[in-house]
Amino acid sequence: MTATRGFGIDIGGSGIKGALVDLEKGELIGDRLRIDTPRPSTPEAVADVVAKVVKHFGWDGPVGITLPAVVKKGVAHTAANIDPAWIGTDADALFAERIGRDVKDVAMLNDADAAGMAEIRFGDPAARTGVATLLTFGTGIGSAVFHDGKLVPNTEFGHLEVDGHDAEKKAAASVKDNEELTYHQWAKRVNRYLTVLEDLIWPDLFIVGGGVSKKAEKWVPHLEIRTKIIVASLQNNAGIVGAAAAAVEGIEH
C-alpha cells in the first residue's frame, strides 16, 4: 500500500520550513512551521532546529530534508548560503541521529531538485515533456533540470557566471531586497540571467519558483526571452512536498 502522507523539511538560507504533506494532492496538511535559519548555520545548529520541527509535528515516519547544497548519497559537497562547515558533512547520518531515525528513513536532496520533483509531479503537465528547468529565486538561485520528467540531479546554474559575476549575487530575490530594487529593476537582472542560461541549455520551459513567485505578476510580465515561462504552482512549498515524496519513495541522489 502506497503511503498517502509524508513529511518534508526545506532548509533555506533564511528559514527552515516543515510540514505534513498529502502525497496524493501534493498539498500541505495544515500549517507549516517556519523557524529562522540559525546564525551561524552550522550542521549542529541546523540539526537542532530540524529536530524541533519534527518533534512539533510528532511525526514518526520517514523524513525528507532539503539542503541548499550539492548532495550526493547523503553527503553535502557545497554550501553556498549555509555555513561552510557543511562541506563534506554526512547529512544523512547527522539528521538520522538527531531525530532518532534509521539512516534509510532520511532522504537528503538538493533543495531545488526537491522543488522541481514536486512541480513535475503535481504542477503543469507541460513540464513533463522536453527539457524543463525549475529556478528558485530566494536567498540564492537554485536550479533543477528535467528531461521528459527525469531529473538531472545537482545542477548549479545559480552560480553561472553572468557579466563577470556569480548569477545569484546579482539576480537572487534576496539581492532585490538588500539593494532595494523595484520589481522592474530586478526583473531586468533576472532577464539577463535567463538569456544567458537559455543560450547554454536551450530548455523548452522555465518554471520560476521560490518565495518571490507569490508576487509573480509584479515581475514575470517584464521578462522577455524566447523560452516559455510558467510560475511554480506549489510556489514556496514545493521543496517540502518534494522532500516528503522522496522520503516515502526512498529517493536520494
Protein backbone atom coordinates (compact mmCIF):
# COMPACT_ATOMS: atom_id res chain seq x y z
CA MET A 1 0.00 0.00 0.00
CA THR A 2 1.37 3.39 -1.02
CA ALA A 3 1.65 5.98 1.74
CA THR A 4 -0.69 8.92 1.29
CA ARG A 5 1.04 11.17 3.81
CA GLY A 6 4.63 12.21 4.19
CA PHE A 7 6.77 14.75 5.98
CA GLY A 8 9.24 17.19 4.47
CA ILE A 9 11.65 19.82 5.75
CA ASP A 10 13.08 22.51 3.47
CA ILE A 11 16.30 24.11 4.76
CA GLY A 12 17.00 27.51 3.23
CA GLY A 13 19.46 30.30 3.80
CA SER A 14 16.93 32.32 5.79
CA GLY A 15 14.37 29.84 7.08
CA ILE A 16 13.78 26.17 7.87
CA LYS A 17 10.24 25.05 6.99
CA GLY A 18 8.49 21.75 7.70
CA ALA A 19 5.03 20.31 7.20
CA LEU A 20 2.91 17.20 6.76
CA VAL A 21 2.14 16.55 3.10
CA ASP A 22 -0.78 14.94 1.27
CA LEU A 23 1.10 12.89 -1.33
CA GLU A 24 -1.98 12.32 -3.48
CA LYS A 25 -2.72 16.01 -3.96
CA GLY A 26 0.75 17.49 -3.48
CA GLU A 27 -0.54 19.83 -0.79
CA LEU A 28 0.43 20.64 2.78
CA ILE A 29 -1.78 19.20 5.51
CA GLY A 30 -2.44 22.02 7.95
CA ASP A 31 0.03 24.80 8.60
CA ARG A 32 3.75 24.58 8.05
CA LEU A 33 6.21 25.53 10.78
CA ARG A 34 8.94 28.00 9.89
CA ILE A 35 11.94 28.76 12.11
CA ASP A 36 14.68 31.21 11.16
CA THR A 37 17.86 29.51 9.98
CA PRO A 38 20.36 29.83 12.85
CA ARG A 39 23.39 32.12 12.59
CA PRO A 40 25.88 30.65 12.06
CA SER A 41 24.09 27.89 10.15
CA THR A 42 26.45 25.10 11.21
CA PRO A 43 25.40 21.46 10.81
CA GLU A 44 24.86 21.05 14.55
CA ALA A 45 22.78 24.23 14.88
CA VAL A 46 20.62 23.37 11.86
CA ALA A 47 20.15 19.79 13.10
CA ASP A 48 18.81 21.18 16.39
CA VAL A 49 16.16 23.17 14.50
CA VAL A 50 15.24 20.19 12.32
CA ALA A 51 14.74 18.09 15.46
CA LYS A 52 12.41 20.79 16.85
CA VAL A 53 10.36 20.79 13.67
CA VAL A 54 9.98 17.01 13.65
CA LYS A 55 9.04 17.00 17.35
CA HIS A 56 6.49 19.79 16.81
CA PHE A 57 4.53 17.62 14.39
CA GLY A 58 5.03 14.37 16.29
CA TRP A 59 5.94 12.64 13.03
CA ASP A 60 7.43 9.17 13.40
CA GLY A 61 7.79 8.09 9.76
CA PRO A 62 10.45 8.71 7.09
CA VAL A 63 11.64 12.33 6.77
CA GLY A 64 12.71 14.11 3.60
CA ILE A 65 15.12 17.02 4.07
CA THR A 66 16.47 19.51 1.53
CA LEU A 67 19.72 21.44 1.68
CA PRO A 68 20.87 24.39 -0.43
CA ALA A 69 23.87 22.29 -1.47
CA VAL A 70 25.02 19.63 -3.87
CA VAL A 71 24.01 16.39 -2.13
CA LYS A 72 25.42 13.04 -3.22
CA LYS A 73 24.48 9.88 -1.31
CA GLY A 74 23.53 11.94 1.71
CA VAL A 75 26.77 13.96 1.84
CA ALA A 76 26.86 17.74 1.26
CA HIS A 77 29.54 18.86 -1.18
CA THR A 78 28.87 22.61 -1.38
CA ALA A 79 27.48 25.31 0.90
CA ALA A 80 26.50 28.44 -0.99
CA ASN A 81 24.12 30.04 1.52
CA ILE A 82 24.79 27.98 4.63
CA ASP A 83 27.86 27.61 6.84
CA PRO A 84 30.97 26.23 5.05
CA ALA A 85 31.20 23.54 7.74
CA TRP A 86 28.52 21.67 5.75
CA ILE A 87 31.01 20.77 3.04
CA GLY A 88 31.85 17.09 3.49
CA THR A 89 29.21 16.56 6.19
CA ASP A 90 27.28 13.28 6.10
CA ALA A 91 23.91 14.98 6.45
CA ASP A 92 22.05 11.67 6.32
CA ALA A 93 23.85 10.38 9.40
CA LEU A 94 23.67 13.70 11.25
CA PHE A 95 19.91 14.14 10.88
CA ALA A 96 19.13 10.44 11.42
CA GLU A 97 20.94 10.53 14.75
CA ARG A 98 19.37 13.84 15.81
CA ILE A 99 15.79 12.90 15.02
CA GLY A 100 16.06 9.27 16.08
CA ARG A 101 15.65 7.57 12.71
CA ASP A 102 17.49 4.88 10.79
CA VAL A 103 19.57 6.43 8.00
CA LYS A 104 17.40 4.67 5.42
CA ASP A 105 14.43 6.65 6.73
CA VAL A 106 16.07 10.00 5.96
CA ALA A 107 16.17 11.25 2.35
CA MET A 108 18.56 14.13 1.63
CA LEU A 109 18.16 16.19 -1.54
CA ASN A 110 19.27 19.44 -3.06
CA ASP A 111 16.52 21.99 -2.34
CA ALA A 112 15.83 22.96 -5.96
CA ASP A 113 15.82 19.30 -7.05
CA ALA A 114 13.16 18.55 -4.44
CA ALA A 115 11.08 21.54 -5.53
CA GLY A 116 11.43 20.53 -9.17
CA MET A 117 10.34 16.95 -8.46
CA ALA A 118 7.19 18.28 -6.80
CA GLU A 119 6.41 20.58 -9.71
CA ILE A 120 6.94 17.81 -12.28
CA ARG A 121 4.59 15.51 -10.37
CA PHE A 122 1.90 17.91 -9.21
CA GLY A 123 2.29 21.01 -11.38
CA ASP A 124 1.70 21.92 -15.01
CA PRO A 125 1.76 18.78 -17.23
CA ALA A 126 3.75 20.78 -19.81
CA ALA A 127 6.82 20.31 -17.58
CA ARG A 128 6.77 16.54 -18.08
CA THR A 129 7.94 16.57 -21.70
CA GLY A 130 11.08 18.02 -23.25
CA VAL A 131 13.65 19.96 -21.23
CA ALA A 132 12.12 21.80 -18.28
CA THR A 133 14.19 23.92 -15.89
CA LEU A 134 12.93 24.99 -12.49
CA LEU A 135 14.63 28.03 -10.95
CA THR A 136 14.02 29.00 -7.33
CA PHE A 137 14.67 32.65 -6.51
CA GLY A 138 15.34 33.15 -2.80
CA THR A 139 18.47 33.75 -0.74
CA GLY A 140 20.29 32.37 -3.80
CA ILE A 141 19.15 30.83 -7.08
CA GLY A 142 18.53 27.09 -7.19
CA SER A 143 18.13 25.08 -10.37
CA ALA A 144 16.65 21.72 -11.32
CA VAL A 145 16.73 20.34 -14.87
CA PHE A 146 14.42 17.63 -16.20
CA HIS A 147 14.28 15.76 -19.49
CA ASP A 148 10.90 14.14 -20.14
CA GLY A 149 10.24 14.30 -16.42
CA LYS A 150 13.55 12.71 -15.35
CA LEU A 151 15.82 14.75 -13.09
CA VAL A 152 19.45 15.56 -13.84
CA PRO A 153 20.47 15.99 -10.16
CA ASN A 154 22.63 18.68 -8.59
CA THR A 155 22.81 21.26 -11.35
CA GLU A 156 24.16 24.53 -10.01
CA PHE A 157 23.06 27.04 -12.62
CA GLY A 158 22.51 29.71 -9.98
CA HIS A 159 26.30 30.02 -9.93
CA LEU A 160 26.63 30.58 -13.65
CA GLU A 161 28.94 33.48 -14.42
CA VAL A 162 26.98 36.31 -16.00
CA ASP A 163 28.78 39.52 -16.99
CA GLY A 164 31.66 38.65 -14.67
CA HIS A 165 29.51 37.88 -11.62
CA ASP A 166 28.09 34.79 -9.96
CA ALA A 167 24.48 34.98 -11.21
CA GLU A 168 22.82 34.69 -7.81
CA LYS A 169 24.87 37.59 -6.44
CA LYS A 170 23.03 39.86 -8.89
CA ALA A 171 19.68 38.18 -9.54
CA ALA A 172 18.60 36.30 -6.39
CA ALA A 173 15.44 37.57 -4.70
CA SER A 174 17.50 38.47 -1.62
CA VAL A 175 19.50 40.92 -3.77
CA LYS A 176 16.30 42.71 -4.75
CA ASP A 177 15.54 43.28 -1.06
CA ASN A 178 19.11 44.08 0.00
CA GLU A 179 19.62 46.64 -2.78
CA GLU A 180 16.04 47.92 -2.52
CA LEU A 181 15.38 47.32 -6.21
CA THR A 182 11.92 47.70 -7.72
CA TYR A 183 10.41 44.58 -9.25
CA HIS A 184 11.02 46.09 -12.69
CA GLN A 185 14.70 46.78 -11.93
CA TRP A 186 15.19 43.29 -10.53
CA ALA A 187 13.35 41.69 -13.45
CA LYS A 188 15.93 43.18 -15.81
CA ARG A 189 18.64 41.28 -13.95
CA VAL A 190 16.62 38.08 -13.98
CA ASN A 191 16.01 38.55 -17.69
CA ARG A 192 19.72 38.88 -18.37
CA TYR A 193 20.43 35.74 -16.37
CA LEU A 194 17.73 33.73 -18.15
CA THR A 195 19.01 34.89 -21.55
CA VAL A 196 22.47 33.51 -20.78
CA LEU A 197 21.08 30.27 -19.35
CA GLU A 198 18.73 29.61 -22.26
CA ASP A 199 21.59 30.09 -24.72
CA LEU A 200 23.51 27.34 -22.89
CA ILE A 201 20.89 24.65 -22.35
CA TRP A 202 18.05 25.56 -24.75
CA PRO A 203 15.18 24.47 -22.49
CA ASP A 204 11.59 24.13 -23.65
CA LEU A 205 10.23 25.60 -20.43
CA PHE A 206 11.34 27.65 -17.43
CA ILE A 207 9.41 27.22 -14.16
CA VAL A 208 10.07 30.10 -11.76
CA GLY A 209 9.61 29.44 -8.05
CA GLY A 210 10.76 30.45 -4.59
CA GLY A 211 9.05 32.86 -2.23
CA VAL A 212 9.03 35.67 -4.80
CA SER A 213 6.82 33.56 -7.08
CA LYS A 214 3.89 34.59 -4.86
CA LYS A 215 4.18 38.03 -6.46
CA ALA A 216 4.87 36.75 -9.97
CA GLU A 217 2.52 39.30 -11.55
CA LYS A 218 4.91 42.07 -10.49
CA TRP A 219 7.96 40.77 -12.34
CA VAL A 220 7.32 37.83 -14.67
CA PRO A 221 5.49 40.03 -17.25
CA HIS A 222 8.71 42.07 -17.56
CA LEU A 223 10.72 39.05 -18.73
CA GLU A 224 11.38 38.97 -22.46
CA ILE A 225 13.06 35.74 -23.51
CA ARG A 226 12.31 33.15 -26.17
CA THR A 227 11.65 30.28 -23.73
CA LYS A 228 8.15 29.83 -22.33
CA ILE A 229 7.90 30.75 -18.63
CA ILE A 230 5.37 29.47 -16.11
CA VAL A 231 5.09 30.17 -12.39
CA ALA A 232 5.62 27.26 -9.97
CA SER A 233 2.17 26.05 -8.94
CA LEU A 234 3.37 24.99 -5.48
CA GLN A 235 5.29 28.26 -5.02
CA ASN A 236 7.45 28.18 -1.90
CA ASN A 237 6.04 24.88 -0.60
CA ALA A 238 7.45 22.82 -3.46
CA GLY A 239 10.63 21.86 -1.57
CA ILE A 240 8.65 20.48 1.37
CA VAL A 241 6.36 18.47 -0.93
CA GLY A 242 9.24 17.07 -2.99
CA ALA A 243 11.21 16.12 0.12
CA ALA A 244 8.22 14.32 1.63
CA ALA A 245 7.65 12.34 -1.57
CA ALA A 246 11.33 11.41 -1.82
CA ALA A 247 11.38 10.12 1.75
CA VAL A 248 8.37 7.87 1.26
CA GLU A 249 9.73 6.52 -2.03
CA GLY A 250 13.33 6.17 -0.85
CA ILE A 251 14.70 8.58 -3.46
CA GLU A 252 18.12 10.08 -2.82
CA HIS A 253 20.89 11.29 -5.10
